[in-house]
Amino acid sequence: MSEAIVRDYSFTVRLSAEERAQLGALAAQWGLDKSATVRRALQMAPAGGQPLPAVGCFVPLHVEDVSFPVRLSGKAANGG
């Protein structure tokens, strides 16, 4: 069993109606409550210019039904 995470800090943020709807949609998409959604978004935010992962699933914007796996090889752009 993993150790319990102690959360002893909270903050309040005011959202516009549009931002509130976006948070609700993201929470529904991830199957999380709004607090957990904000935590996950913070964890996903790039810190210090993290490199792209070597393996992942990249999805084109505005196309709900299309996704394709991409594996980065780390080779130079000229193939060398």
PDB file of N, CA and C in Angstrom:
ATOM      1  N   MET A   1       0.841  -1.170   0.000  1.00  0.00           N
ATOM      2  CA  MET A   1       0.000   0.000   0.000  1.00  0.00           C
ATOM      3  C   MET A   1       0.890   1.238   0.000  1.00  0.00           C
ATOM      4  N   SER A   2       0.534   2.253  -0.769  1.00  0.00           N
ATOM      5  CA  SER A   2       1.326   3.469  -0.817  1.00  0.00           C
ATOM      6  C   SER A   2       1.032   4.357   0.387  1.00  0.00           C
ATOM      7  N   GLU A   3       1.979   5.258   0.667  1.00  0.00           N
ATOM      8  CA  GLU A   3       1.815   6.167   1.790  1.00  0.00           C
ATOM      9  C   GLU A   3       0.735   7.198   1.475  1.00  0.00           C
ATOM     10  N   ALA A   4       0.033   7.625   2.505  1.00  0.00           N
ATOM     11  CA  ALA A   4      -1.006   8.645   2.330  1.00  0.00           C
ATOM     12  C   ALA A   4      -0.349   9.994   2.062  1.00  0.00           C
ATOM     13  N   ILE A   5      -0.941  10.765   1.189  1.00  0.00           N
ATOM     14  CA  ILE A   5      -0.438  12.100   0.879  1.00  0.00           C
ATOM     15  C   ILE A   5      -1.116  13.084   1.812  1.00  0.00           C
ATOM     16  N   VAL A   6      -0.310  13.859   2.523  1.00  0.00           N
ATOM     17  CA  VAL A   6      -0.851  14.860   3.427  1.00  0.00           C
ATOM     18  C   VAL A   6      -1.037  16.148   2.649  1.00  0.00           C
ATOM     19  N   ARG A   7      -2.260  16.643   2.628  1.00  0.00           N
ATOM     20  CA  ARG A   7      -2.568  17.897   1.945  1.00  0.00           C
ATOM     21  C   ARG A   7      -2.989  18.901   3.005  1.00  0.00           C
ATOM     22  N   ASP A   8      -2.109  19.852   3.289  1.00  0.00           N
ATOM     23  CA  ASP A   8      -2.392  20.807   4.346  1.00  0.00           C
ATOM     24  C   ASP A   8      -2.412  22.248   3.833  1.00  0.00           C
ATOM     25  N   TYR A   9      -2.564  22.427   2.536  1.00  0.00           N
ATOM     26  CA  TYR A   9      -2.602  23.757   1.949  1.00  0.00           C
ATOM     27  C   TYR A   9      -3.771  23.819   0.979  1.00  0.00           C
ATOM     28  N   SER A  10      -4.484  24.912   1.007  1.00  0.00           N
ATOM     29  CA  SER A  10      -5.576  25.087   0.056  1.00  0.00           C
ATOM     30  C   SER A  10      -5.530  26.511  -0.481  1.00  0.00           C
ATOM     31  N   PHE A  11      -6.166  26.714  -1.624  1.00  0.00           N
ATOM     32  CA  PHE A  11      -6.243  28.046  -2.209  1.00  0.00           C
ATOM     33  C   PHE A  11      -7.584  28.187  -2.903  1.00  0.00           C
ATOM     34  N   THR A  12      -7.961  29.410  -3.148  1.00  0.00           N
ATOM     35  CA  THR A  12      -9.217  29.702  -3.823  1.00  0.00           C
ATOM     36  C   THR A  12      -8.907  30.437  -5.111  1.00  0.00           C
ATOM     37  N   VAL A  13      -9.594  30.072  -6.154  1.00  0.00           N
ATOM     38  CA  VAL A  13      -9.425  30.743  -7.435  1.00  0.00           C
ATOM     39  C   VAL A  13     -10.811  31.042  -7.990  1.00  0.00           C
ATOM     40  N   ARG A  14     -10.966  32.207  -8.559  1.00  0.00           N
ATOM     41  CA  ARG A  14     -12.240  32.587  -9.158  1.00  0.00           C
ATOM     42  C   ARG A  14     -12.169  32.271 -10.656  1.00  0.00           C
ATOM     43  N   LEU A  15     -13.192  31.617 -11.151  1.00  0.00           N
ATOM     44  CA  LEU A  15     -13.242  31.217 -12.550  1.00  0.00           C
ATOM     45  C   LEU A  15     -14.385  31.931 -13.254  1.00  0.00           C
ATOM     46  N   SER A  16     -14.180  32.215 -14.529  1.00  0.00           N
ATOM     47  CA  SER A  16     -15.279  32.725 -15.347  1.00  0.00           C
ATOM     48  C   SER A  16     -16.221  31.559 -15.628  1.00  0.00           C
ATOM     49  N   ALA A  17     -17.377  31.866 -16.174  1.00  0.00           N
ATOM     50  CA  ALA A  17     -18.329  30.801 -16.521  1.00  0.00           C
ATOM     51  C   ALA A  17     -17.705  29.835 -17.525  1.00  0.00           C
ATOM     52  N   GLU A  18     -16.954  30.372 -18.480  1.00  0.00           N
ATOM     53  CA  GLU A  18     -16.301  29.522 -19.489  1.00  0.00           C
ATOM     54  C   GLU A  18     -15.232  28.638 -18.854  1.00  0.00           C
ATOM     55  N   GLU A  19     -14.407  29.211 -17.977  1.00  0.00           N
ATOM     56  CA  GLU A  19     -13.368  28.427 -17.302  1.00  0.00           C
ATOM     57  C   GLU A  19     -13.980  27.345 -16.415  1.00  0.00           C
ATOM     58  N   ARG A  20     -15.082  27.685 -15.752  1.00  0.00           N
ATOM     59  CA  ARG A  20     -15.768  26.702 -14.913  1.00  0.00           C
ATOM     60  C   ARG A  20     -16.289  25.544 -15.750  1.00  0.00           C
ATOM     61  N   ALA A  21     -16.841  25.847 -16.920  1.00  0.00           N
ATOM     62  CA  ALA A  21     -17.323  24.799 -17.825  1.00  0.00           C
ATOM     63  C   ALA A  21     -16.165  23.941 -18.317  1.00  0.00           C
ATOM     64  N   GLN A  22     -15.028  24.577 -18.618  1.00  0.00           N
ATOM     65  CA  GLN A  22     -13.860  23.822 -19.078  1.00  0.00           C
ATOM     66  C   GLN A  22     -13.348  22.889 -17.981  1.00  0.00           C
ATOM     67  N   LEU A  23     -13.321  23.379 -16.743  1.00  0.00           N
ATOM     68  CA  LEU A  23     -12.887  22.537 -15.628  1.00  0.00           C
ATOM     69  C   LEU A  23     -13.846  21.363 -15.440  1.00  0.00           C
ATOM     70  N   GLY A  24     -15.130  21.631 -15.531  1.00  0.00           N
ATOM     71  CA  GLY A  24     -16.115  20.561 -15.403  1.00  0.00           C
ATOM     72  C   GLY A  24     -15.979  19.519 -16.501  1.00  0.00           C
ATOM     73  N   ALA A  25     -15.744  19.980 -17.729  1.00  0.00           N
ATOM     74  CA  ALA A  25     -15.585  19.053 -18.860  1.00  0.00           C
ATOM     75  C   ALA A  25     -14.327  18.206 -18.693  1.00  0.00           C
ATOM     76  N   LEU A  26     -13.237  18.839 -18.261  1.00  0.00           N
ATOM     77  CA  LEU A  26     -11.988  18.107 -18.064  1.00  0.00           C
ATOM     78  C   LEU A  26     -12.136  17.099 -16.932  1.00  0.00           C
ATOM     79  N   ALA A  27     -12.811  17.496 -15.861  1.00  0.00           N
ATOM     80  CA  ALA A  27     -13.051  16.578 -14.746  1.00  0.00           C
ATOM     81  C   ALA A  27     -13.869  15.373 -15.205  1.00  0.00           C
ATOM     82  N   ALA A  28     -14.881  15.618 -16.017  1.00  0.00           N
ATOM     83  CA  ALA A  28     -15.702  14.514 -16.533  1.00  0.00           C
ATOM     84  C   ALA A  28     -14.877  13.609 -17.449  1.00  0.00           C
ATOM     85  N   GLN A  29     -14.043  14.208 -18.299  1.00  0.00           N
ATOM     86  CA  GLN A  29     -13.199  13.435 -19.220  1.00  0.00           C
ATOM     87  C   GLN A  29     -12.226  12.549 -18.458  1.00  0.00           C
ATOM     88  N   TRP A  30     -11.632  13.067 -17.395  1.00  0.00           N
ATOM     89  CA  TRP A  30     -10.661  12.312 -16.611  1.00  0.00           C
ATOM     90  C   TRP A  30     -11.319  11.452 -15.539  1.00  0.00           C
ATOM     91  N   GLY A  31     -12.615  11.622 -15.304  1.00  0.00           N
ATOM     92  CA  GLY A  31     -13.302  10.850 -14.272  1.00  0.00           C
ATOM     93  C   GLY A  31     -12.858  11.224 -12.866  1.00  0.00           C
ATOM     94  N   LEU A  32     -12.568  12.508 -12.653  1.00  0.00           N
ATOM     95  CA  LEU A  32     -12.087  12.986 -11.361  1.00  0.00           C
ATOM     96  C   LEU A  32     -12.996  14.096 -10.849  1.00  0.00           C
ATOM     97  N   ASP A  33     -12.881  14.400  -9.562  1.00  0.00           N
ATOM     98  CA  ASP A  33     -13.570  15.585  -9.073  1.00  0.00           C
ATOM     99  C   ASP A  33     -12.736  16.808  -9.464  1.00  0.00           C
ATOM    100  N   LYS A  34     -13.263  17.981  -9.228  1.00  0.00           N
ATOM    101  CA  LYS A  34     -12.588  19.198  -9.702  1.00  0.00           C
ATOM    102  C   LYS A  34     -11.251  19.427  -8.996  1.00  0.00           C
ATOM    103  N   SER A  35     -11.164  19.124  -7.713  1.00  0.00           N
ATOM    104  CA  SER A  35      -9.896  19.287  -6.995  1.00  0.00           C
ATOM    105  C   SER A  35      -8.825  18.350  -7.556  1.00  0.00           C
ATOM    106  N   ALA A  36      -9.180  17.103  -7.768  1.00  0.00           N
ATOM    107  CA  ALA A  36      -8.231  16.132  -8.317  1.00  0.00           C
ATOM    108  C   ALA A  36      -7.838  16.513  -9.745  1.00  0.00           C
ATOM    109  N   THR A  37      -8.770  17.111 -10.491  1.00  0.00           N
ATOM    110  CA  THR A  37      -8.466  17.550 -11.849  1.00  0.00           C
ATOM    111  C   THR A  37      -7.418  18.654 -11.837  1.00  0.00           C
ATOM    112  N   VAL A  38      -7.558  19.610 -10.921  1.00  0.00           N
ATOM    113  CA  VAL A  38      -6.562  20.681 -10.810  1.00  0.00           C
ATOM    114  C   VAL A  38      -5.215  20.100 -10.410  1.00  0.00           C
ATOM    115  N   ARG A  39      -5.201  19.151  -9.461  1.00  0.00           N
ATOM    116  CA  ARG A  39      -3.932  18.512  -9.064  1.00  0.00           C
ATOM    117  C   ARG A  39      -3.274  17.815 -10.253  1.00  0.00           C
ATOM    118  N   ARG A  40      -4.070  17.075 -11.021  1.00  0.00           N
ATOM    119  CA  ARG A  40      -3.509  16.356 -12.169  1.00  0.00           C
ATOM    120  C   ARG A  40      -2.970  17.325 -13.209  1.00  0.00           C
ATOM    121  N   ALA A  41      -3.691  18.421 -13.460  1.00  0.00           N
ATOM    122  CA  ALA A  41      -3.222  19.421 -14.415  1.00  0.00           C
ATOM    123  C   ALA A  41      -1.897  20.026 -13.950  1.00  0.00           C
ATOM    124  N   LEU A  42      -1.768  20.275 -12.645  1.00  0.00           N
ATOM    125  CA  LEU A  42      -0.508  20.796 -12.117  1.00  0.00           C
ATOM    126  C   LEU A  42       0.629  19.799 -12.312  1.00  0.00           C
ATOM    127  N   GLN A  43       0.343  18.529 -12.120  1.00  0.00           N
ATOM    128  CA  GLN A  43       1.361  17.496 -12.301  1.00  0.00           C
ATOM    129  C   GLN A  43       1.783  17.374 -13.766  1.00  0.00           C
ATOM    130  N   MET A  44       0.833  17.637 -14.674  1.00  0.00           N
ATOM    131  CA  MET A  44       1.115  17.500 -16.099  1.00  0.00           C
ATOM    132  C   MET A  44       1.812  18.728 -16.677  1.00  0.00           C
ATOM    133  N   ALA A  45       1.742  19.855 -15.982  1.00  0.00           N
ATOM    134  CA  ALA A  45       2.343  21.087 -16.495  1.00  0.00           C
ATOM    135  C   ALA A  45       3.844  20.892 -16.645  1.00  0.00           C
ATOM    136  N   PRO A  46       4.371  21.281 -17.789  1.00  0.00           N
ATOM    137  CA  PRO A  46       5.819  21.107 -17.992  1.00  0.00           C
ATOM    138  C   PRO A  46       6.614  21.982 -17.024  1.00  0.00           C
ATOM    139  N   ALA A  47       7.519  21.367 -16.314  1.00  0.00           N
ATOM    140  CA  ALA A  47       8.367  22.087 -15.358  1.00  0.00           C
ATOM    141  C   ALA A  47       9.780  22.192 -15.922  1.00  0.00           C
ATOM    142  N   GLY A  48      10.220  23.400 -16.183  1.00  0.00           N
ATOM    143  CA  GLY A  48      11.592  23.598 -16.653  1.00  0.00           C
ATOM    144  C   GLY A  48      11.862  23.035 -18.028  1.00  0.00           C
ATOM    145  N   GLY A  49      10.885  23.016 -18.915  1.00  0.00           N
ATOM    146  CA  GLY A  49      11.114  22.559 -20.287  1.00  0.00           C
ATOM    147  C   GLY A  49      11.426  21.080 -20.386  1.00  0.00           C
ATOM    148  N   GLN A  50      10.594  20.253 -19.783  1.00  0.00           N
ATOM    149  CA  GLN A  50      10.816  18.810 -19.853  1.00  0.00           C
ATOM    150  C   GLN A  50      10.834  18.350 -21.310  1.00  0.00           C
ATOM    151  N   PRO A  51      11.688  17.403 -21.641  1.00  0.00           N
ATOM    152  CA  PRO A  51      11.692  16.871 -23.008  1.00  0.00           C
ATOM    153  C   PRO A  51      10.435  16.051 -23.274  1.00  0.00           C
ATOM    154  N   LEU A  52      10.109  15.898 -24.542  1.00  0.00           N
ATOM    155  CA  LEU A  52       8.983  15.049 -24.908  1.00  0.00           C
ATOM    156  C   LEU A  52       9.276  13.608 -24.516  1.00  0.00           C
ATOM    157  N   PRO A  53       8.275  12.853 -24.110  1.00  0.00           N
ATOM    158  CA  PRO A  53       8.508  11.444 -23.771  1.00  0.00           C
ATOM    159  C   PRO A  53       8.885  10.651 -25.018  1.00  0.00           C
ATOM    160  N   ALA A  54       9.633   9.574 -24.820  1.00  0.00           N
ATOM    161  CA  ALA A  54      10.062   8.735 -25.936  1.00  0.00           C
ATOM    162  C   ALA A  54       8.904   7.956 -26.535  1.00  0.00           C
ATOM    163  N   VAL A  55       7.881   7.658 -25.743  1.00  0.00           N
ATOM    164  CA  VAL A  55       6.737   6.897 -26.201  1.00  0.00           C
ATOM    165  C   VAL A  55       5.483   7.613 -25.713  1.00  0.00           C
ATOM    166  N   GLY A  56       4.485   7.700 -26.568  1.00  0.00           N
ATOM    167  CA  GLY A  56       3.261   8.342 -26.121  1.00  0.00           C
ATOM    168  C   GLY A  56       2.176   8.244 -27.165  1.00  0.00           C
ATOM    169  N   CYS A  57       1.044   8.792 -26.844  1.00  0.00           N
ATOM    170  CA  CYS A  57      -0.069   8.842 -27.767  1.00  0.00           C
ATOM    171  C   CYS A  57      -0.403  10.302 -27.998  1.00  0.00           C
ATOM    172  N   PHE A  58      -0.142  10.812 -29.182  1.00  0.00           N
ATOM    173  CA  PHE A  58      -0.378  12.197 -29.519  1.00  0.00           C
ATOM    174  C   PHE A  58      -1.678  12.285 -30.311  1.00  0.00           C
ATOM    175  N   VAL A  59      -2.497  13.250 -29.994  1.00  0.00           N
ATOM    176  CA  VAL A  59      -3.818  13.378 -30.590  1.00  0.00           C
ATOM    177  C   VAL A  59      -3.920  14.732 -31.288  1.00  0.00           C
ATOM    178  N   PRO A  60      -4.349  14.762 -32.549  1.00  0.00           N
ATOM    179  CA  PRO A  60      -4.502  16.045 -33.244  1.00  0.00           C
ATOM    180  C   PRO A  60      -5.642  16.854 -32.638  1.00  0.00           C
ATOM    181  N   LEU A  61      -5.494  18.169 -32.644  1.00  0.00           N
ATOM    182  CA  LEU A  61      -6.533  19.036 -32.097  1.00  0.00           C
ATOM    183  C   LEU A  61      -7.784  19.005 -32.952  1.00  0.00           C
ATOM    184  N   HIS A  62      -8.923  19.148 -32.313  1.00  0.00           N
ATOM    185  CA  HIS A  62     -10.224  19.264 -32.962  1.00  0.00           C
ATOM    186  C   HIS A  62     -10.652  18.013 -33.723  1.00  0.00           C
ATOM    187  N   VAL A  63     -10.015  16.907 -33.483  1.00  0.00           N
ATOM    188  CA  VAL A  63     -10.448  15.652 -34.106  1.00  0.00           C
ATOM    189  C   VAL A  63     -10.662  14.660 -32.962  1.00  0.00           C
ATOM    190  N   GLU A  64     -11.919  14.433 -32.617  1.00  0.00           N
ATOM    191  CA  GLU A  64     -12.250  13.630 -31.453  1.00  0.00           C
ATOM    192  C   GLU A  64     -11.981  12.133 -31.640  1.00  0.00           C
ATOM    193  N   ASP A  65     -12.093  11.635 -32.858  1.00  0.00           N
ATOM    194  CA  ASP A  65     -12.052  10.194 -33.080  1.00  0.00           C
ATOM    195  C   ASP A  65     -10.702   9.673 -33.549  1.00  0.00           C
ATOM    196  N   VAL A  66      -9.719  10.534 -33.740  1.00  0.00           N
ATOM    197  CA  VAL A  66      -8.462  10.091 -34.333  1.00  0.00           C
ATOM    198  C   VAL A  66      -7.336  10.228 -33.314  1.00  0.00           C
ATOM    199  N   SER A  67      -6.576   9.156 -33.129  1.00  0.00           N
ATOM    200  CA  SER A  67      -5.339   9.221 -32.353  1.00  0.00           C
ATOM    201  C   SER A  67      -4.373   8.207 -32.947  1.00  0.00           C
ATOM    202  N   PHE A  68      -3.114   8.454 -32.788  1.00  0.00           N
ATOM    203  CA  PHE A  68      -2.129   7.548 -33.349  1.00  0.00           C
ATOM    204  C   PHE A  68      -0.896   7.550 -32.459  1.00  0.00           C
ATOM    205  N   PRO A  69      -0.288   6.372 -32.252  1.00  0.00           N
ATOM    206  CA  PRO A  69       0.924   6.310 -31.416  1.00  0.00           C
ATOM    207  C   PRO A  69       2.137   6.833 -32.180  1.00  0.00           C
ATOM    208  N   VAL A  70       3.048   7.478 -31.462  1.00  0.00           N
ATOM    209  CA  VAL A  70       4.268   8.008 -32.064  1.00  0.00           C
ATOM    210  C   VAL A  70       5.423   7.580 -31.179  1.00  0.00           C
ATOM    211  N   ARG A  71       6.456   7.008 -31.767  1.00  0.00           N
ATOM    212  CA  ARG A  71       7.646   6.644 -31.021  1.00  0.00           C
ATOM    213  C   ARG A  71       8.798   7.494 -31.537  1.00  0.00           C
ATOM    214  N   LEU A  72       9.397   8.266 -30.625  1.00  0.00           N
ATOM    215  CA  LEU A  72      10.519   9.129 -30.979  1.00  0.00           C
ATOM    216  C   LEU A  72      11.809   8.340 -30.865  1.00  0.00           C
ATOM    217  N   SER A  73      12.650   8.403 -31.900  1.00  0.00           N
ATOM    218  CA  SER A  73      13.847   7.585 -31.914  1.00  0.00           C
ATOM    219  C   SER A  73      15.057   8.293 -31.327  1.00  0.00           C
ATOM    220  N   GLY A  74      15.039   9.619 -31.245  1.00  0.00           N
ATOM    221  CA  GLY A  74      16.185  10.344 -30.721  1.00  0.00           C
ATOM    222  C   GLY A  74      17.276  10.549 -31.728  1.00  0.00           C
ATOM    223  N   LYS A  75      17.058  10.195 -32.988  1.00  0.00           N
ATOM    224  CA  LYS A  75      18.053  10.388 -34.045  1.00  0.00           C
ATOM    225  C   LYS A  75      18.043  11.833 -34.512  1.00  0.00           C
ATOM    226  N   ALA A  76      19.137  12.265 -35.108  1.00  0.00           N
ATOM    227  CA  ALA A  76      19.228  13.612 -35.647  1.00  0.00           C
ATOM    228  C   ALA A  76      18.266  13.764 -36.814  1.00  0.00           C
ATOM    229  N   ALA A  77      17.899  14.999 -37.133  1.00  0.00           N
ATOM    230  CA  ALA A  77      16.922  15.270 -38.177  1.00  0.00           C
ATOM    231  C   ALA A  77      17.389  14.772 -39.540  1.00  0.00           C
ATOM    232  N   ASN A  78      18.689  14.716 -39.783  1.00  0.00           N
ATOM    233  CA  ASN A  78      19.196  14.242 -41.074  1.00  0.00           C
ATOM    234  C   ASN A  78      19.319  12.727 -41.150  1.00  0.00           C
ATOM    235  N   GLY A  79      18.843  12.040 -40.091  1.00  0.00           N
ATOM    236  CA  GLY A  79      18.855  10.578 -40.099  1.00  0.00           C
ATOM    237  C   GLY A  79      20.104   9.979 -39.523  1.00  0.00           C
ATOM    238  N   GLY A  80      21.053  10.807 -39.093  1.00  0.00           N
ATOM    239  CA  GLY A  80      22.322  10.301 -38.608  1.00  0.00           C
ATOM    240  C   GLY A  80      22.442  10.206 -37.188  1.00  0.00           C
TER     241      GLY A  80
END
